[in-house]
Amino acid sequence: MHAVAIKKSLMKRNPWLIEAVFKAYSQSKQKAYDYMAKAAWFKDSLPWFGQEFDETRALMGDNYYSYGIESNRKTLEALFRYSYQQGLCSKELTIEELFESSSLELTESPL
């Protein structure tokens, strides 16, 4: 759905930045999940917000917007494969060549 990019020069000067950005986005997402679970149903204008939220979690689990390479590996590999097959890339990319090695092991804390 989305990706966050950080310039290599910035990563080299600040090696802690990758993990810090990952944690910040993960914490922000958790706050959004908490808001949706507790208060969004009466503040949002969608008439069936609560039902949609419950159905989404039942179908996709509590963490339906998972972050990190491992939890999205199949999706990323399919994207790379289709991009190559459809002529958008001159070769099939790999996760290891596209993502900084220190980001490969980042995972979210359990919800």
PDB file of N, CA and C in Angstrom:
ATOM      1  N   MET A   1       0.820  -1.180   0.000  1.00  0.00           N
ATOM      2  CA  MET A   1       0.000   0.000   0.000  1.00  0.00           C
ATOM      3  C   MET A   1       0.871   1.253   0.000  1.00  0.00           C
ATOM      4  N   HIS A   2       1.819   1.351   0.928  1.00  0.00           N
ATOM      5  CA  HIS A   2       2.727   2.487   0.998  1.00  0.00           C
ATOM      6  C   HIS A   2       4.112   1.989   1.408  1.00  0.00           C
ATOM      7  N   ALA A   3       5.097   2.779   1.101  1.00  0.00           N
ATOM      8  CA  ALA A   3       6.459   2.510   1.545  1.00  0.00           C
ATOM      9  C   ALA A   3       7.074   3.829   2.007  1.00  0.00           C
ATOM     10  N   VAL A   4       8.028   3.732   2.895  1.00  0.00           N
ATOM     11  CA  VAL A   4       8.750   4.901   3.374  1.00  0.00           C
ATOM     12  C   VAL A   4      10.175   4.793   2.861  1.00  0.00           C
ATOM     13  N   ALA A   5      10.664   5.842   2.258  1.00  0.00           N
ATOM     14  CA  ALA A   5      12.021   5.861   1.725  1.00  0.00           C
ATOM     15  C   ALA A   5      12.871   6.840   2.535  1.00  0.00           C
ATOM     16  N   ILE A   6      14.122   6.438   2.749  1.00  0.00           N
ATOM     17  CA  ILE A   6      15.085   7.296   3.443  1.00  0.00           C
ATOM     18  C   ILE A   6      16.341   7.330   2.575  1.00  0.00           C
ATOM     19  N   LYS A   7      16.846   8.505   2.327  1.00  0.00           N
ATOM     20  CA  LYS A   7      18.055   8.636   1.514  1.00  0.00           C
ATOM     21  C   LYS A   7      19.216   7.877   2.143  1.00  0.00           C
ATOM     22  N   LYS A   8      20.033   7.233   1.295  1.00  0.00           N
ATOM     23  CA  LYS A   8      21.189   6.491   1.787  1.00  0.00           C
ATOM     24  C   LYS A   8      22.146   7.389   2.560  1.00  0.00           C
ATOM     25  N   SER A   9      22.339   8.588   2.074  1.00  0.00           N
ATOM     26  CA  SER A   9      23.269   9.501   2.751  1.00  0.00           C
ATOM     27  C   SER A   9      22.772   9.821   4.162  1.00  0.00           C
ATOM     28  N   LEU A  10      21.480   9.947   4.325  1.00  0.00           N
ATOM     29  CA  LEU A  10      20.899  10.218   5.634  1.00  0.00           C
ATOM     30  C   LEU A  10      21.029   8.993   6.554  1.00  0.00           C
ATOM     31  N   MET A  11      20.823   7.803   5.992  1.00  0.00           N
ATOM     32  CA  MET A  11      20.972   6.569   6.783  1.00  0.00           C
ATOM     33  C   MET A  11      22.415   6.380   7.252  1.00  0.00           C
ATOM     34  N   LYS A  12      23.355   6.713   6.379  1.00  0.00           N
ATOM     35  CA  LYS A  12      24.773   6.535   6.746  1.00  0.00           C
ATOM     36  C   LYS A  12      25.179   7.482   7.871  1.00  0.00           C
ATOM     37  N   ARG A  13      24.647   8.690   7.850  1.00  0.00           N
ATOM     38  CA  ARG A  13      24.963   9.654   8.910  1.00  0.00           C
ATOM     39  C   ARG A  13      24.221   9.349  10.211  1.00  0.00           C
ATOM     40  N   ASN A  14      23.071   8.686  10.089  1.00  0.00           N
ATOM     41  CA  ASN A  14      22.213   8.403  11.247  1.00  0.00           C
ATOM     42  C   ASN A  14      21.745   6.947  11.204  1.00  0.00           C
ATOM     43  N   PRO A  15      22.600   5.988  11.532  1.00  0.00           N
ATOM     44  CA  PRO A  15      22.239   4.575  11.394  1.00  0.00           C
ATOM     45  C   PRO A  15      21.049   4.146  12.256  1.00  0.00           C
ATOM     46  N   TRP A  16      20.718   4.893  13.264  1.00  0.00           N
ATOM     47  CA  TRP A  16      19.593   4.593  14.142  1.00  0.00           C
ATOM     48  C   TRP A  16      18.259   4.980  13.514  1.00  0.00           C
ATOM     49  N   LEU A  17      18.293   5.746  12.426  1.00  0.00           N
ATOM     50  CA  LEU A  17      17.088   6.348  11.858  1.00  0.00           C
ATOM     51  C   LEU A  17      16.081   5.318  11.341  1.00  0.00           C
ATOM     52  N   ILE A  18      16.542   4.257  10.712  1.00  0.00           N
ATOM     53  CA  ILE A  18      15.625   3.258  10.146  1.00  0.00           C
ATOM     54  C   ILE A  18      14.735   2.673  11.232  1.00  0.00           C
ATOM     55  N   GLU A  19      15.335   2.231  12.310  1.00  0.00           N
ATOM     56  CA  GLU A  19      14.553   1.639  13.394  1.00  0.00           C
ATOM     57  C   GLU A  19      13.655   2.681  14.063  1.00  0.00           C
ATOM     58  N   ALA A  20      14.150   3.894  14.226  1.00  0.00           N
ATOM     59  CA  ALA A  20      13.352   4.945  14.867  1.00  0.00           C
ATOM     60  C   ALA A  20      12.111   5.284  14.042  1.00  0.00           C
ATOM     61  N   VAL A  21      12.264   5.390  12.737  1.00  0.00           N
ATOM     62  CA  VAL A  21      11.121   5.686  11.861  1.00  0.00           C
ATOM     63  C   VAL A  21      10.138   4.522  11.881  1.00  0.00           C
ATOM     64  N   PHE A  22      10.643   3.301  11.820  1.00  0.00           N
ATOM     65  CA  PHE A  22       9.784   2.110  11.874  1.00  0.00           C
ATOM     66  C   PHE A  22       8.967   2.095  13.170  1.00  0.00           C
ATOM     67  N   LYS A  23       9.630   2.347  14.285  1.00  0.00           N
ATOM     68  CA  LYS A  23       8.928   2.355  15.578  1.00  0.00           C
ATOM     69  C   LYS A  23       7.899   3.485  15.647  1.00  0.00           C
ATOM     70  N   ALA A  24       8.243   4.643  15.123  1.00  0.00           N
ATOM     71  CA  ALA A  24       7.303   5.774  15.151  1.00  0.00           C
ATOM     72  C   ALA A  24       6.039   5.457  14.350  1.00  0.00           C
ATOM     73  N   TYR A  25       6.208   4.896  13.171  1.00  0.00           N
ATOM     74  CA  TYR A  25       5.043   4.527  12.366  1.00  0.00           C
ATOM     75  C   TYR A  25       4.241   3.414  13.046  1.00  0.00           C
ATOM     76  N   SER A  26       4.912   2.446  13.637  1.00  0.00           N
ATOM     77  CA  SER A  26       4.220   1.357  14.328  1.00  0.00           C
ATOM     78  C   SER A  26       3.414   1.872  15.508  1.00  0.00           C
ATOM     79  N   GLN A  27       3.993   2.783  16.282  1.00  0.00           N
ATOM     80  CA  GLN A  27       3.275   3.356  17.423  1.00  0.00           C
ATOM     81  C   GLN A  27       2.085   4.194  16.963  1.00  0.00           C
ATOM     82  N   SER A  28       2.270   4.923  15.898  1.00  0.00           N
ATOM     83  CA  SER A  28       1.179   5.740  15.359  1.00  0.00           C
ATOM     84  C   SER A  28       0.034   4.853  14.881  1.00  0.00           C
ATOM     85  N   LYS A  29       0.369   3.766  14.204  1.00  0.00           N
ATOM     86  CA  LYS A  29      -0.664   2.847  13.739  1.00  0.00           C
ATOM     87  C   LYS A  29      -1.421   2.246  14.911  1.00  0.00           C
ATOM     88  N   GLN A  30      -0.704   1.875  15.964  1.00  0.00           N
ATOM     89  CA  GLN A  30      -1.352   1.305  17.141  1.00  0.00           C
ATOM     90  C   GLN A  30      -2.330   2.302  17.755  1.00  0.00           C
ATOM     91  N   LYS A  31      -1.945   3.571  17.796  1.00  0.00           N
ATOM     92  CA  LYS A  31      -2.857   4.601  18.309  1.00  0.00           C
ATOM     93  C   LYS A  31      -4.102   4.710  17.432  1.00  0.00           C
ATOM     94  N   ALA A  32      -3.921   4.599  16.129  1.00  0.00           N
ATOM     95  CA  ALA A  32      -5.081   4.641  15.223  1.00  0.00           C
ATOM     96  C   ALA A  32      -5.984   3.437  15.442  1.00  0.00           C
ATOM     97  N   TYR A  33      -5.398   2.252  15.594  1.00  0.00           N
ATOM     98  CA  TYR A  33      -6.190   1.051  15.880  1.00  0.00           C
ATOM     99  C   TYR A  33      -6.969   1.232  17.189  1.00  0.00           C
ATOM    100  N   ASP A  34      -6.288   1.731  18.216  1.00  0.00           N
ATOM    101  CA  ASP A  34      -6.947   1.941  19.514  1.00  0.00           C
ATOM    102  C   ASP A  34      -8.106   2.927  19.376  1.00  0.00           C
ATOM    103  N   TYR A  35      -7.884   3.996  18.639  1.00  0.00           N
ATOM    104  CA  TYR A  35      -8.934   4.987  18.420  1.00  0.00           C
ATOM    105  C   TYR A  35     -10.130   4.348  17.714  1.00  0.00           C
ATOM    106  N   MET A  36      -9.856   3.571  16.664  1.00  0.00           N
ATOM    107  CA  MET A  36     -10.951   2.941  15.926  1.00  0.00           C
ATOM    108  C   MET A  36     -11.729   1.981  16.811  1.00  0.00           C
ATOM    109  N   ALA A  37     -11.036   1.274  17.666  1.00  0.00           N
ATOM    110  CA  ALA A  37     -11.698   0.293  18.530  1.00  0.00           C
ATOM    111  C   ALA A  37     -12.524   0.951  19.627  1.00  0.00           C
ATOM    112  N   LYS A  38     -12.085   2.109  20.103  1.00  0.00           N
ATOM    113  CA  LYS A  38     -12.724   2.708  21.276  1.00  0.00           C
ATOM    114  C   LYS A  38     -13.653   3.876  20.958  1.00  0.00           C
ATOM    115  N   ALA A  39     -13.296   4.717  20.012  1.00  0.00           N
ATOM    116  CA  ALA A  39     -14.027   5.969  19.875  1.00  0.00           C
ATOM    117  C   ALA A  39     -14.498   6.292  18.460  1.00  0.00           C
ATOM    118  N   ALA A  40     -13.910   5.710  17.467  1.00  0.00           N
ATOM    119  CA  ALA A  40     -14.233   6.131  16.098  1.00  0.00           C
ATOM    120  C   ALA A  40     -15.678   5.871  15.721  1.00  0.00           C
ATOM    121  N   TRP A  41     -16.278   4.843  16.279  1.00  0.00           N
ATOM    122  CA  TRP A  41     -17.648   4.494  15.888  1.00  0.00           C
ATOM    123  C   TRP A  41     -18.642   5.617  16.176  1.00  0.00           C
ATOM    124  N   PHE A  42     -18.391   6.428  17.199  1.00  0.00           N
ATOM    125  CA  PHE A  42     -19.342   7.504  17.472  1.00  0.00           C
ATOM    126  C   PHE A  42     -18.846   8.867  16.995  1.00  0.00           C
ATOM    127  N   LYS A  43     -17.629   8.942  16.479  1.00  0.00           N
ATOM    128  CA  LYS A  43     -17.111  10.210  15.970  1.00  0.00           C
ATOM    129  C   LYS A  43     -17.039  10.227  14.443  1.00  0.00           C
ATOM    130  N   ASP A  44     -17.079   9.067  13.836  1.00  0.00           N
ATOM    131  CA  ASP A  44     -16.959   8.966  12.388  1.00  0.00           C
ATOM    132  C   ASP A  44     -18.334   9.061  11.750  1.00  0.00           C
ATOM    133  N   SER A  45     -18.411   9.599  10.552  1.00  0.00           N
ATOM    134  CA  SER A  45     -19.699   9.767   9.889  1.00  0.00           C
ATOM    135  C   SER A  45     -20.152   8.525   9.124  1.00  0.00           C
ATOM    136  N   LEU A  46     -19.316   7.500   9.065  1.00  0.00           N
ATOM    137  CA  LEU A  46     -19.734   6.272   8.387  1.00  0.00           C
ATOM    138  C   LEU A  46     -20.817   5.579   9.206  1.00  0.00           C
ATOM    139  N   PRO A  47     -21.951   5.248   8.601  1.00  0.00           N
ATOM    140  CA  PRO A  47     -23.060   4.714   9.382  1.00  0.00           C
ATOM    141  C   PRO A  47     -22.807   3.319   9.970  1.00  0.00           C
ATOM    142  N   TRP A  48     -21.967   2.532   9.330  1.00  0.00           N
ATOM    143  CA  TRP A  48     -21.719   1.173   9.828  1.00  0.00           C
ATOM    144  C   TRP A  48     -20.244   0.970  10.177  1.00  0.00           C
ATOM    145  N   PHE A  49     -19.641   1.991  10.729  1.00  0.00           N
ATOM    146  CA  PHE A  49     -18.203   1.925  11.036  1.00  0.00           C
ATOM    147  C   PHE A  49     -17.877   0.738  11.933  1.00  0.00           C
ATOM    148  N   GLY A  50     -18.611   0.589  13.031  1.00  0.00           N
ATOM    149  CA  GLY A  50     -18.329  -0.488  13.977  1.00  0.00           C
ATOM    150  C   GLY A  50     -18.423  -1.851  13.336  1.00  0.00           C
ATOM    151  N   GLN A  51     -19.431  -2.072  12.524  1.00  0.00           N
ATOM    152  CA  GLN A  51     -19.598  -3.355  11.847  1.00  0.00           C
ATOM    153  C   GLN A  51     -18.457  -3.599  10.863  1.00  0.00           C
ATOM    154  N   GLU A  52     -18.107  -2.600  10.087  1.00  0.00           N
ATOM    155  CA  GLU A  52     -17.015  -2.734   9.115  1.00  0.00           C
ATOM    156  C   GLU A  52     -15.682  -3.021   9.818  1.00  0.00           C
ATOM    157  N   PHE A  53     -15.438  -2.322  10.903  1.00  0.00           N
ATOM    158  CA  PHE A  53     -14.213  -2.526  11.670  1.00  0.00           C
ATOM    159  C   PHE A  53     -14.145  -3.957  12.204  1.00  0.00           C
ATOM    160  N   ASP A  54     -15.245  -4.432  12.786  1.00  0.00           N
ATOM    161  CA  ASP A  54     -15.283  -5.799  13.323  1.00  0.00           C
ATOM    162  C   ASP A  54     -15.125  -6.844  12.225  1.00  0.00           C
ATOM    163  N   GLU A  55     -15.765  -6.633  11.088  1.00  0.00           N
ATOM    164  CA  GLU A  55     -15.660  -7.586   9.983  1.00  0.00           C
ATOM    165  C   GLU A  55     -14.247  -7.616   9.392  1.00  0.00           C
ATOM    166  N   THR A  56     -13.624  -6.462   9.299  1.00  0.00           N
ATOM    167  CA  THR A  56     -12.252  -6.399   8.789  1.00  0.00           C
ATOM    168  C   THR A  56     -11.311  -7.175   9.702  1.00  0.00           C
ATOM    169  N   ARG A  57     -11.434  -6.958  11.005  1.00  0.00           N
ATOM    170  CA  ARG A  57     -10.572  -7.667  11.964  1.00  0.00           C
ATOM    171  C   ARG A  57     -10.849  -9.167  11.954  1.00  0.00           C
ATOM    172  N   ALA A  58     -12.104  -9.560  11.802  1.00  0.00           N
ATOM    173  CA  ALA A  58     -12.433 -10.985  11.753  1.00  0.00           C
ATOM    174  C   ALA A  58     -11.827 -11.646  10.518  1.00  0.00           C
ATOM    175  N   LEU A  59     -11.835 -10.950   9.395  1.00  0.00           N
ATOM    176  CA  LEU A  59     -11.314 -11.488   8.153  1.00  0.00           C
ATOM    177  C   LEU A  59      -9.791 -11.446   8.078  1.00  0.00           C
ATOM    178  N   MET A  60      -9.188 -10.328   8.537  1.00  0.00           N
ATOM    179  CA  MET A  60      -7.759 -10.092   8.313  1.00  0.00           C
ATOM    180  C   MET A  60      -6.913 -10.098   9.576  1.00  0.00           C
ATOM    181  N   GLY A  61      -7.547 -10.244  10.731  1.00  0.00           N
ATOM    182  CA  GLY A  61      -6.800 -10.218  11.983  1.00  0.00           C
ATOM    183  C   GLY A  61      -6.710  -8.814  12.552  1.00  0.00           C
ATOM    184  N   ASP A  62      -6.226  -8.730  13.783  1.00  0.00           N
ATOM    185  CA  ASP A  62      -6.150  -7.435  14.466  1.00  0.00           C
ATOM    186  C   ASP A  62      -5.163  -6.476  13.816  1.00  0.00           C
ATOM    187  N   ASN A  63      -4.104  -7.002  13.227  1.00  0.00           N
ATOM    188  CA  ASN A  63      -3.079  -6.159  12.612  1.00  0.00           C
ATOM    189  C   ASN A  63      -3.206  -6.238  11.092  1.00  0.00           C
ATOM    190  N   TYR A  64      -4.282  -5.697  10.558  1.00  0.00           N
ATOM    191  CA  TYR A  64      -4.558  -5.853   9.133  1.00  0.00           C
ATOM    192  C   TYR A  64      -3.707  -4.952   8.249  1.00  0.00           C
ATOM    193  N   TYR A  65      -2.974  -4.031   8.822  1.00  0.00           N
ATOM    194  CA  TYR A  65      -1.977  -3.254   8.088  1.00  0.00           C
ATOM    195  C   TYR A  65      -0.608  -3.593   8.671  1.00  0.00           C
ATOM    196  N   SER A  66      -0.119  -4.774   8.396  1.00  0.00           N
ATOM    197  CA  SER A  66       1.139  -5.197   9.005  1.00  0.00           C
ATOM    198  C   SER A  66       2.319  -4.421   8.415  1.00  0.00           C
ATOM    199  N   TYR A  67       3.293  -4.150   9.260  1.00  0.00           N
ATOM    200  CA  TYR A  67       4.506  -3.441   8.856  1.00  0.00           C
ATOM    201  C   TYR A  67       5.676  -4.414   8.928  1.00  0.00           C
ATOM    202  N   GLY A  68       6.680  -4.152   8.141  1.00  0.00           N
ATOM    203  CA  GLY A  68       7.893  -4.957   8.158  1.00  0.00           C
ATOM    204  C   GLY A  68       7.997  -5.826   6.914  1.00  0.00           C
ATOM    205  N   ILE A  69       9.221  -6.200   6.614  1.00  0.00           N
ATOM    206  CA  ILE A  69       9.503  -6.975   5.406  1.00  0.00           C
ATOM    207  C   ILE A  69       8.920  -8.386   5.495  1.00  0.00           C
ATOM    208  N   GLU A  70       9.203  -9.099   6.573  1.00  0.00           N
ATOM    209  CA  GLU A  70       8.771 -10.496   6.672  1.00  0.00           C
ATOM    210  C   GLU A  70       7.269 -10.645   6.558  1.00  0.00           C
ATOM    211  N   SER A  71       6.517  -9.809   7.222  1.00  0.00           N
ATOM    212  CA  SER A  71       5.061  -9.946   7.176  1.00  0.00           C
ATOM    213  C   SER A  71       4.485  -9.548   5.812  1.00  0.00           C
ATOM    214  N   ASN A  72       5.293  -8.925   4.986  1.00  0.00           N
ATOM    215  CA  ASN A  72       4.846  -8.509   3.647  1.00  0.00           C
ATOM    216  C   ASN A  72       5.672  -9.137   2.527  1.00  0.00           C
ATOM    217  N   ARG A  73       6.486 -10.121   2.853  1.00  0.00           N
ATOM    218  CA  ARG A  73       7.399 -10.727   1.881  1.00  0.00           C
ATOM    219  C   ARG A  73       6.672 -11.241   0.637  1.00  0.00           C
ATOM    220  N   LYS A  74       5.619 -12.013   0.798  1.00  0.00           N
ATOM    221  CA  LYS A  74       4.914 -12.586  -0.356  1.00  0.00           C
ATOM    222  C   LYS A  74       4.356 -11.490  -1.265  1.00  0.00           C
ATOM    223  N   THR A  75       3.799 -10.461  -0.667  1.00  0.00           N
ATOM    224  CA  THR A  75       3.238  -9.354  -1.439  1.00  0.00           C
ATOM    225  C   THR A  75       4.336  -8.624  -2.203  1.00  0.00           C
ATOM    226  N   LEU A  76       5.437  -8.335  -1.529  1.00  0.00           N
ATOM    227  CA  LEU A  76       6.549  -7.636  -2.183  1.00  0.00           C
ATOM    228  C   LEU A  76       7.125  -8.466  -3.326  1.00  0.00           C
ATOM    229  N   GLU A  77       7.323  -9.763  -3.093  1.00  0.00           N
ATOM    230  CA  GLU A  77       7.874 -10.628  -4.143  1.00  0.00           C
ATOM    231  C   GLU A  77       6.930 -10.721  -5.333  1.00  0.00           C
ATOM    232  N   ALA A  78       5.631 -10.745  -5.091  1.00  0.00           N
ATOM    233  CA  ALA A  78       4.655 -10.749  -6.192  1.00  0.00           C
ATOM    234  C   ALA A  78       4.735  -9.430  -6.962  1.00  0.00           C
ATOM    235  N   LEU A  79       4.851  -8.322  -6.244  1.00  0.00           N
ATOM    236  CA  LEU A  79       4.987  -7.012  -6.888  1.00  0.00           C
ATOM    237  C   LEU A  79       6.219  -6.974  -7.789  1.00  0.00           C
ATOM    238  N   PHE A  80       7.339  -7.473  -7.291  1.00  0.00           N
ATOM    239  CA  PHE A  80       8.573  -7.488  -8.080  1.00  0.00           C
ATOM    240  C   PHE A  80       8.420  -8.380  -9.314  1.00  0.00           C
ATOM    241  N   ARG A  81       7.808  -9.538  -9.124  1.00  0.00           N
ATOM    242  CA  ARG A  81       7.609 -10.479 -10.231  1.00  0.00           C
ATOM    243  C   ARG A  81       6.713  -9.863 -11.304  1.00  0.00           C
ATOM    244  N   TYR A  82       5.572  -9.299 -10.903  1.00  0.00           N
ATOM    245  CA  TYR A  82       4.647  -8.700 -11.866  1.00  0.00           C
ATOM    246  C   TYR A  82       5.272  -7.493 -12.559  1.00  0.00           C
ATOM    247  N   SER A  83       6.025  -6.702 -11.822  1.00  0.00           N
ATOM    248  CA  SER A  83       6.679  -5.538 -12.428  1.00  0.00           C
ATOM    249  C   SER A  83       7.631  -5.962 -13.531  1.00  0.00           C
ATOM    250  N   TYR A  84       8.349  -7.047 -13.297  1.00  0.00           N
ATOM    251  CA  TYR A  84       9.270  -7.569 -14.310  1.00  0.00           C
ATOM    252  C   TYR A  84       8.489  -8.159 -15.488  1.00  0.00           C
ATOM    253  N   GLN A  85       7.499  -8.993 -15.185  1.00  0.00           N
ATOM    254  CA  GLN A  85       6.724  -9.652 -16.237  1.00  0.00           C
ATOM    255  C   GLN A  85       5.995  -8.648 -17.125  1.00  0.00           C
ATOM    256  N   GLN A  86       5.580  -7.535 -16.554  1.00  0.00           N
ATOM    257  CA  GLN A  86       4.835  -6.532 -17.314  1.00  0.00           C
ATOM    258  C   GLN A  86       5.748  -5.483 -17.952  1.00  0.00           C
ATOM    259  N   GLY A  87       7.062  -5.670 -17.819  1.00  0.00           N
ATOM    260  CA  GLY A  87       8.008  -4.781 -18.472  1.00  0.00           C
ATOM    261  C   GLY A  87       8.243  -3.457 -17.761  1.00  0.00           C
ATOM    262  N   LEU A  88       7.821  -3.364 -16.514  1.00  0.00           N
ATOM    263  CA  LEU A  88       8.046  -2.129 -15.764  1.00  0.00           C
ATOM    264  C   LEU A  88       9.465  -2.057 -15.213  1.00  0.00           C
ATOM    265  N   CYS A  89      10.106  -3.221 -15.044  1.00  0.00           N
ATOM    266  CA  CYS A  89      11.496  -3.311 -14.580  1.00  0.00           C
ATOM    267  C   CYS A  89      12.276  -4.166 -15.564  1.00  0.00           C
ATOM    268  N   SER A  90      13.553  -3.873 -15.722  1.00  0.00           N
ATOM    269  CA  SER A  90      14.377  -4.640 -16.663  1.00  0.00           C
ATOM    270  C   SER A  90      14.841  -5.967 -16.097  1.00  0.00           C
ATOM    271  N   LYS A  91      14.690  -6.149 -14.782  1.00  0.00           N
ATOM    272  CA  LYS A  91      15.010  -7.421 -14.132  1.00  0.00           C
ATOM    273  C   LYS A  91      14.101  -7.586 -12.925  1.00  0.00           C
ATOM    274  N   GLU A  92      13.988  -8.813 -12.449  1.00  0.00           N
ATOM    275  CA  GLU A  92      13.153  -9.051 -11.272  1.00  0.00           C
ATOM    276  C   GLU A  92      13.950  -8.665 -10.031  1.00  0.00           C
ATOM    277  N   LEU A  93      13.458  -7.686  -9.320  1.00  0.00           N
ATOM    278  CA  LEU A  93      14.133  -7.186  -8.124  1.00  0.00           C
ATOM    279  C   LEU A  93      14.017  -8.191  -6.977  1.00  0.00           C
ATOM    280  N   THR A  94      14.885  -8.038  -5.991  1.00  0.00           N
ATOM    281  CA  THR A  94      14.801  -8.848  -4.779  1.00  0.00           C
ATOM    282  C   THR A  94      14.706  -7.919  -3.577  1.00  0.00           C
ATOM    283  N   ILE A  95      14.171  -8.452  -2.529  1.00  0.00           N
ATOM    284  CA  ILE A  95      14.040  -7.682  -1.291  1.00  0.00           C
ATOM    285  C   ILE A  95      15.408  -7.228  -0.805  1.00  0.00           C
ATOM    286  N   GLU A  96      16.378  -8.130  -0.858  1.00  0.00           N
ATOM    287  CA  GLU A  96      17.710  -7.830  -0.331  1.00  0.00           C
ATOM    288  C   GLU A  96      18.406  -6.697  -1.082  1.00  0.00           C
ATOM    289  N   GLU A  97      18.145  -6.558  -2.376  1.00  0.00           N
ATOM    290  CA  GLU A  97      18.791  -5.469  -3.107  1.00  0.00           C
ATOM    291  C   GLU A  97      18.012  -4.160  -3.040  1.00  0.00           C
ATOM    292  N   LEU A  98      16.761  -4.227  -2.659  1.00  0.00           N
ATOM    293  CA  LEU A  98      15.936  -3.030  -2.639  1.00  0.00           C
ATOM    294  C   LEU A  98      15.848  -2.379  -1.261  1.00  0.00           C
ATOM    295  N   PHE A  99      16.004  -3.186  -0.201  1.00  0.00           N
ATOM    296  CA  PHE A  99      15.857  -2.665   1.159  1.00  0.00           C
ATOM    297  C   PHE A  99      17.179  -2.725   1.911  1.00  0.00           C
ATOM    298  N   GLU A 100      17.420  -1.738   2.733  1.00  0.00           N
ATOM    299  CA  GLU A 100      18.609  -1.688   3.592  1.00  0.00           C
ATOM    300  C   GLU A 100      18.621  -2.929   4.490  1.00  0.00           C
ATOM    301  N   SER A 101      19.768  -3.555   4.625  1.00  0.00           N
ATOM    302  CA  SER A 101      19.858  -4.811   5.386  1.00  0.00           C
ATOM    303  C   SER A 101      19.373  -4.673   6.828  1.00  0.00           C
ATOM    304  N   SER A 102      19.602  -3.520   7.438  1.00  0.00           N
ATOM    305  CA  SER A 102      19.159  -3.346   8.827  1.00  0.00           C
ATOM    306  C   SER A 102      17.643  -3.278   8.962  1.00  0.00           C
ATOM    307  N   SER A 103      16.928  -3.081   7.856  1.00  0.00           N
ATOM    308  CA  SER A 103      15.466  -3.024   7.916  1.00  0.00           C
ATOM    309  C   SER A 103      14.814  -4.391   7.752  1.00  0.00           C
ATOM    310  N   LEU A 104      15.578  -5.382   7.315  1.00  0.00           N
ATOM    311  CA  LEU A 104      14.998  -6.689   6.996  1.00  0.00           C
ATOM    312  C   LEU A 104      14.450  -7.419   8.216  1.00  0.00           C
ATOM    313  N   GLU A 105      15.002  -7.172   9.370  1.00  0.00           N
ATOM    314  CA  GLU A 105      14.584  -7.888  10.577  1.00  0.00           C
ATOM    315  C   GLU A 105      13.629  -7.102  11.470  1.00  0.00           C
ATOM    316  N   LEU A 106      13.281  -5.892  11.080  1.00  0.00           N
ATOM    317  CA  LEU A 106      12.381  -5.085  11.908  1.00  0.00           C
ATOM    318  C   LEU A 106      10.978  -5.695  11.921  1.00  0.00           C
ATOM    319  N   THR A 107      10.444  -5.887  13.121  1.00  0.00           N
ATOM    320  CA  THR A 107       9.081  -6.409  13.264  1.00  0.00           C
ATOM    321  C   THR A 107       8.368  -5.593  14.327  1.00  0.00           C
ATOM    322  N   GLU A 108       7.075  -5.599  14.226  1.00  0.00           N
ATOM    323  CA  GLU A 108       6.261  -4.874  15.195  1.00  0.00           C
ATOM    324  C   GLU A 108       6.116  -5.657  16.488  1.00  0.00           C
ATOM    325  N   SER A 109       5.908  -4.947  17.548  1.00  0.00           N
ATOM    326  CA  SER A 109       5.563  -5.597  18.816  1.00  0.00           C
ATOM    327  C   SER A 109       4.177  -6.174  18.663  1.00  0.00           C
ATOM    328  N   PRO A 110       3.890  -7.286  19.337  1.00  0.00           N
ATOM    329  CA  PRO A 110       2.536  -7.855  19.245  1.00  0.00           C
ATOM    330  C   PRO A 110       1.495  -6.841  19.704  1.00  0.00           C
ATOM    331  N   LEU A 111       0.339  -6.876  19.061  1.00  0.00           N
ATOM    332  CA  LEU A 111      -0.744  -5.936  19.401  1.00  0.00           C
ATOM    333  C   LEU A 111      -1.362  -6.295  20.736  1.00  0.00           C
TER     334      LEU A 111
END
